[in-house]
N, C-alpha and C. Protein backbone atom coordinates (compact mmCIF):
# COMPACT_ATOMS: atom_id res chain seq x y z
N MET A 1 0.77 -1.16 0.09
CA MET A 1 -0.13 0.03 0.05
C MET A 1 0.91 1.22 0.02
N LYS A 2 0.62 2.03 -0.80
CA LYS A 2 1.36 3.39 -1.07
C LYS A 2 1.37 4.34 0.36
N ASP A 3 0.25 4.60 0.67
CA ASP A 3 0.24 5.75 1.64
C ASP A 3 -1.16 5.41 2.52
N ALA A 4 -0.84 4.91 3.69
CA ALA A 4 -2.09 4.58 4.53
C ALA A 4 -2.72 5.91 5.06
N VAL A 5 -2.12 6.97 5.35
CA VAL A 5 -2.75 8.01 5.70
C VAL A 5 -3.36 8.74 4.64
N GLY A 6 -2.94 8.65 3.57
CA GLY A 6 -3.51 9.42 2.39
C GLY A 6 -4.93 8.63 1.89
N TYR A 7 -4.79 7.13 2.04
CA TYR A 7 -5.81 6.35 1.95
C TYR A 7 -7.05 6.66 2.68
N TRP A 8 -6.61 6.84 3.93
CA TRP A 8 -7.94 6.84 5.03
C TRP A 8 -8.35 8.51 4.86
N GLN A 9 -7.68 9.48 4.57
CA GLN A 9 -7.90 10.65 4.23
C GLN A 9 -9.11 10.81 3.15
N ALA A 10 -8.81 10.30 2.02
CA ALA A 10 -9.53 10.04 0.74
C ALA A 10 -10.85 9.36 1.09
N ASN A 11 -10.63 8.35 1.97
CA ASN A 11 -11.84 7.61 2.34
C ASN A 11 -12.75 8.53 3.00
N LEU A 12 -12.15 9.16 4.36
CA LEU A 12 -13.05 9.91 5.04
C LEU A 12 -13.60 11.29 4.45
N LYS A 13 -12.82 11.61 3.59
CA LYS A 13 -13.30 12.92 2.58
C LYS A 13 -14.62 12.47 1.81
N LEU A 14 -14.70 11.11 1.32
CA LEU A 14 -15.64 10.63 0.62
C LEU A 14 -16.93 10.49 1.40
N VAL A 15 -16.67 9.62 2.66
CA VAL A 15 -17.71 9.55 3.52
C VAL A 15 -18.31 10.85 4.17
N VAL A 16 -17.69 11.97 4.15
CA VAL A 16 -18.22 13.12 4.74
C VAL A 16 -18.98 13.80 3.85
N ALA A 17 -18.62 13.69 2.51
CA ALA A 17 -19.40 14.14 1.34
C ALA A 17 -20.60 13.50 1.32
N CYS A 18 -20.51 12.30 1.35
CA CYS A 18 -21.85 11.49 1.18
C CYS A 18 -22.67 11.57 2.38
N LEU A 19 -22.23 11.92 3.51
CA LEU A 19 -23.14 12.29 4.63
C LEU A 19 -23.58 13.57 4.61
N ILE A 20 -22.98 14.65 4.15
CA ILE A 20 -23.37 15.83 3.92
C ILE A 20 -24.73 15.92 2.93
N VAL A 21 -24.43 15.07 1.89
CA VAL A 21 -25.53 15.06 0.81
C VAL A 21 -26.67 14.26 1.43
N TRP A 22 -26.63 13.28 2.24
CA TRP A 22 -27.60 12.65 2.76
C TRP A 22 -28.42 13.63 3.70
N PHE A 23 -27.53 14.31 4.52
CA PHE A 23 -28.08 15.08 5.56
C PHE A 23 -29.07 16.16 4.86
N VAL A 24 -28.47 16.95 3.88
CA VAL A 24 -29.21 17.99 3.16
C VAL A 24 -30.51 17.29 2.37
N VAL A 25 -30.54 16.35 1.85
CA VAL A 25 -31.51 15.71 1.23
C VAL A 25 -32.68 15.41 2.23
N SER A 26 -32.19 14.52 3.37
CA SER A 26 -33.27 13.98 4.05
C SER A 26 -33.62 14.96 5.15
N PHE A 27 -32.73 15.68 5.71
CA PHE A 27 -33.13 16.56 6.87
C PHE A 27 -33.62 17.74 6.27
N GLY A 28 -32.74 18.35 5.30
CA GLY A 28 -33.01 19.57 4.97
C GLY A 28 -34.17 19.88 4.09
N PHE A 29 -34.39 18.91 2.86
CA PHE A 29 -35.21 19.03 1.96
C PHE A 29 -36.54 18.31 2.64
N GLY A 30 -36.33 17.38 3.37
CA GLY A 30 -37.50 16.73 3.85
C GLY A 30 -38.16 17.27 5.14
N ILE A 31 -37.51 18.09 5.91
CA ILE A 31 -37.78 18.45 7.12
C ILE A 31 -37.84 20.22 7.05
N LEU A 32 -36.66 20.83 6.96
CA LEU A 32 -36.53 22.09 7.20
C LEU A 32 -37.02 22.95 5.96
N LEU A 33 -36.82 22.47 4.79
CA LEU A 33 -37.36 23.26 3.58
C LEU A 33 -38.67 22.84 3.08
N VAL A 34 -39.44 21.91 3.61
CA VAL A 34 -40.43 21.24 3.15
C VAL A 34 -41.63 22.38 2.68
N HIS A 35 -41.86 23.25 3.45
CA HIS A 35 -42.84 24.13 3.00
C HIS A 35 -42.69 25.16 1.76
N PRO A 36 -41.38 25.60 1.67
CA PRO A 36 -40.94 26.15 0.34
C PRO A 36 -41.01 25.28 -0.68
N LEU A 37 -40.59 24.22 -0.53
CA LEU A 37 -40.59 23.08 -1.72
C LEU A 37 -41.80 22.66 -2.02
N ASN A 38 -42.84 22.64 -1.19
CA ASN A 38 -44.32 22.47 -1.53
C ASN A 38 -44.96 23.25 -2.45
N ASN A 39 -44.14 24.34 -2.52
CA ASN A 39 -44.83 25.47 -3.63
C ASN A 39 -44.60 24.91 -5.08
N ILE A 40 -43.52 23.92 -5.18
CA ILE A 40 -43.22 23.46 -6.48
C ILE A 40 -43.97 21.98 -6.69
N GLN A 41 -44.63 21.80 -7.53
CA GLN A 41 -45.24 20.29 -7.80
C GLN A 41 -44.63 19.82 -9.11
N ILE A 42 -44.47 18.57 -8.94
CA ILE A 42 -44.00 17.82 -10.11
C ILE A 42 -44.83 16.58 -10.05
N ALA A 43 -45.56 16.50 -11.50
CA ALA A 43 -46.62 15.38 -11.54
C ALA A 43 -47.74 15.26 -10.65
N GLY A 44 -48.19 16.39 -10.13
CA GLY A 44 -49.23 16.37 -9.12
C GLY A 44 -48.77 16.34 -7.72
N TYR A 45 -47.63 16.31 -7.46
CA TYR A 45 -47.07 15.95 -6.01
C TYR A 45 -46.25 17.14 -5.78
N LYS A 46 -46.43 17.52 -4.30
CA LYS A 46 -45.68 18.63 -3.93
C LYS A 46 -44.11 18.14 -3.63
N LEU A 47 -43.25 18.99 -4.01
CA LEU A 47 -41.90 18.67 -4.01
C LEU A 47 -41.35 18.30 -2.47
N GLY A 48 -41.80 19.14 -1.58
CA GLY A 48 -41.39 18.85 -0.32
C GLY A 48 -41.83 17.44 0.17
N PHE A 49 -43.13 17.14 -0.19
CA PHE A 49 -43.91 15.96 0.25
C PHE A 49 -43.03 14.85 -0.42
N TRP A 50 -42.75 14.94 -1.78
CA TRP A 50 -41.84 13.97 -2.30
C TRP A 50 -40.61 13.73 -1.76
N PHE A 51 -39.77 14.59 -1.37
CA PHE A 51 -38.56 14.48 -0.81
C PHE A 51 -38.73 13.84 0.50
N ALA A 52 -39.62 14.11 1.26
CA ALA A 52 -39.89 13.55 2.63
C ALA A 52 -40.27 12.02 2.29
N GLN A 53 -41.09 11.59 1.53
CA GLN A 53 -41.46 10.39 1.44
C GLN A 53 -40.89 9.33 0.55
N GLN A 54 -40.31 10.05 -0.70
CA GLN A 54 -39.65 9.11 -1.69
C GLN A 54 -38.19 9.50 -2.03
N GLY A 55 -38.03 10.79 -2.33
CA GLY A 55 -36.74 11.26 -2.66
C GLY A 55 -35.51 10.99 -2.03
N SER A 56 -35.85 11.14 -0.75
CA SER A 56 -34.53 10.92 0.17
C SER A 56 -34.13 9.57 0.22
N MET A 57 -35.04 8.52 0.06
CA MET A 57 -34.73 7.21 -0.20
C MET A 57 -34.00 6.79 -1.73
N TYR A 58 -34.36 7.54 -2.61
CA TYR A 58 -33.63 7.57 -3.79
C TYR A 58 -32.35 7.94 -3.91
N ILE A 59 -32.22 9.07 -3.31
CA ILE A 59 -30.60 9.56 -3.12
C ILE A 59 -29.92 8.89 -2.36
N PHE A 60 -30.42 8.22 -1.31
CA PHE A 60 -29.80 7.22 -0.40
C PHE A 60 -29.25 6.06 -1.19
N VAL A 61 -29.98 5.47 -2.09
CA VAL A 61 -29.65 4.29 -2.82
C VAL A 61 -28.48 4.75 -3.92
N ALA A 62 -28.80 5.89 -4.60
CA ALA A 62 -27.88 6.59 -5.39
C ALA A 62 -26.39 6.68 -4.59
N LEU A 63 -26.49 7.26 -3.43
CA LEU A 63 -25.40 7.21 -2.68
C LEU A 63 -24.62 6.09 -2.50
N ILE A 64 -25.20 4.96 -2.24
CA ILE A 64 -24.61 3.56 -2.18
C ILE A 64 -23.63 3.49 -3.30
N PHE A 65 -24.20 3.38 -4.51
CA PHE A 65 -23.60 3.27 -5.68
C PHE A 65 -22.62 4.19 -6.05
N ILE A 66 -22.77 5.41 -5.69
CA ILE A 66 -21.64 6.29 -5.83
C ILE A 66 -20.52 6.21 -4.98
N TYR A 67 -20.88 5.83 -3.68
CA TYR A 67 -19.72 5.50 -2.81
C TYR A 67 -19.00 4.11 -3.33
N ALA A 68 -19.62 3.24 -3.67
CA ALA A 68 -18.98 1.93 -4.04
C ALA A 68 -18.07 2.28 -5.39
N ASN A 69 -18.45 3.00 -6.09
CA ASN A 69 -17.64 3.26 -7.49
C ASN A 69 -16.47 4.18 -7.15
N LYS A 70 -16.66 5.17 -6.35
CA LYS A 70 -15.67 6.01 -5.77
C LYS A 70 -14.64 5.40 -5.05
N MET A 71 -14.92 4.47 -4.02
CA MET A 71 -14.19 3.80 -3.20
C MET A 71 -13.14 2.72 -4.10
N ASN A 72 -14.00 2.29 -5.20
CA ASN A 72 -13.15 1.24 -5.98
C ASN A 72 -11.97 2.13 -6.67
N LYS A 73 -12.42 3.42 -7.13
CA LYS A 73 -11.19 4.11 -7.87
C LYS A 73 -10.09 4.51 -6.89
N ILE A 74 -10.69 4.83 -5.42
CA ILE A 74 -9.66 5.11 -4.50
C ILE A 74 -8.81 3.96 -4.06
N ASP A 75 -9.39 2.81 -3.87
CA ASP A 75 -8.70 1.46 -3.91
C ASP A 75 -7.70 1.35 -4.78
N ARG A 76 -7.90 1.38 -6.13
CA ARG A 76 -6.90 1.20 -7.29
C ARG A 76 -5.77 2.26 -7.29
N GLN A 77 -6.30 3.63 -6.71
CA GLN A 77 -5.27 4.56 -6.73
C GLN A 77 -4.13 4.16 -5.74
N PHE A 78 -4.60 3.85 -4.48
CA PHE A 78 -3.80 3.43 -3.46
C PHE A 78 -3.20 1.99 -3.38
N ASP A 79 -3.53 1.36 -4.60
CA ASP A 79 -3.08 -0.21 -4.64
C ASP A 79 -3.63 -0.98 -3.48
N VAL A 80 -4.73 -0.94 -3.25
CA VAL A 80 -5.45 -1.76 -2.19
C VAL A 80 -6.70 -2.48 -3.00
N ASP A 81 -6.95 -2.43 -4.11
CA ASP A 81 -7.97 -3.10 -4.91
C ASP A 81 -7.81 -4.53 -4.86
N GLU A 82 -9.23 -5.03 -4.77
CA GLU A 82 -9.15 -6.57 -4.90
C GLU A 82 -8.82 -7.13 -6.31
N LYS A 83 -7.93 -7.80 -6.27
CA LYS A 83 -7.10 -8.48 -7.61
C LYS A 83 -7.81 -9.70 -7.63
N GLU A 84 -8.02 -10.23 -8.96
CA GLU A 84 -8.46 -11.47 -9.38
C GLU A 84 -7.32 -12.47 -8.99
N GLY A 85 -7.67 -13.49 -8.30
CA GLY A 85 -6.83 -14.59 -8.33
C GLY A 85 -6.17 -14.46 -6.94
N ALA A 86 -6.42 -13.57 -6.12
CA ALA A 86 -5.68 -13.22 -4.81
C ALA A 86 -6.61 -13.90 -3.73
């Protein structure tokens, strides 16, 4: 492994970024900003309601895939990826 400290810094930076997005979408859009967002309607549903009920879950699932993809890149960058046959 090239640099253990650099690896964990990259990992923590990614985790913090994902947590910030998760917090903004679930707590910010779903609770704090629900009333202003309810003034916007998409397909007949108020946007604040949609984020509180569905949108935060969709974003969370997307974050899982984004995290896995970015973590694979970080693993390759620091030479700790899972190699075939190992």
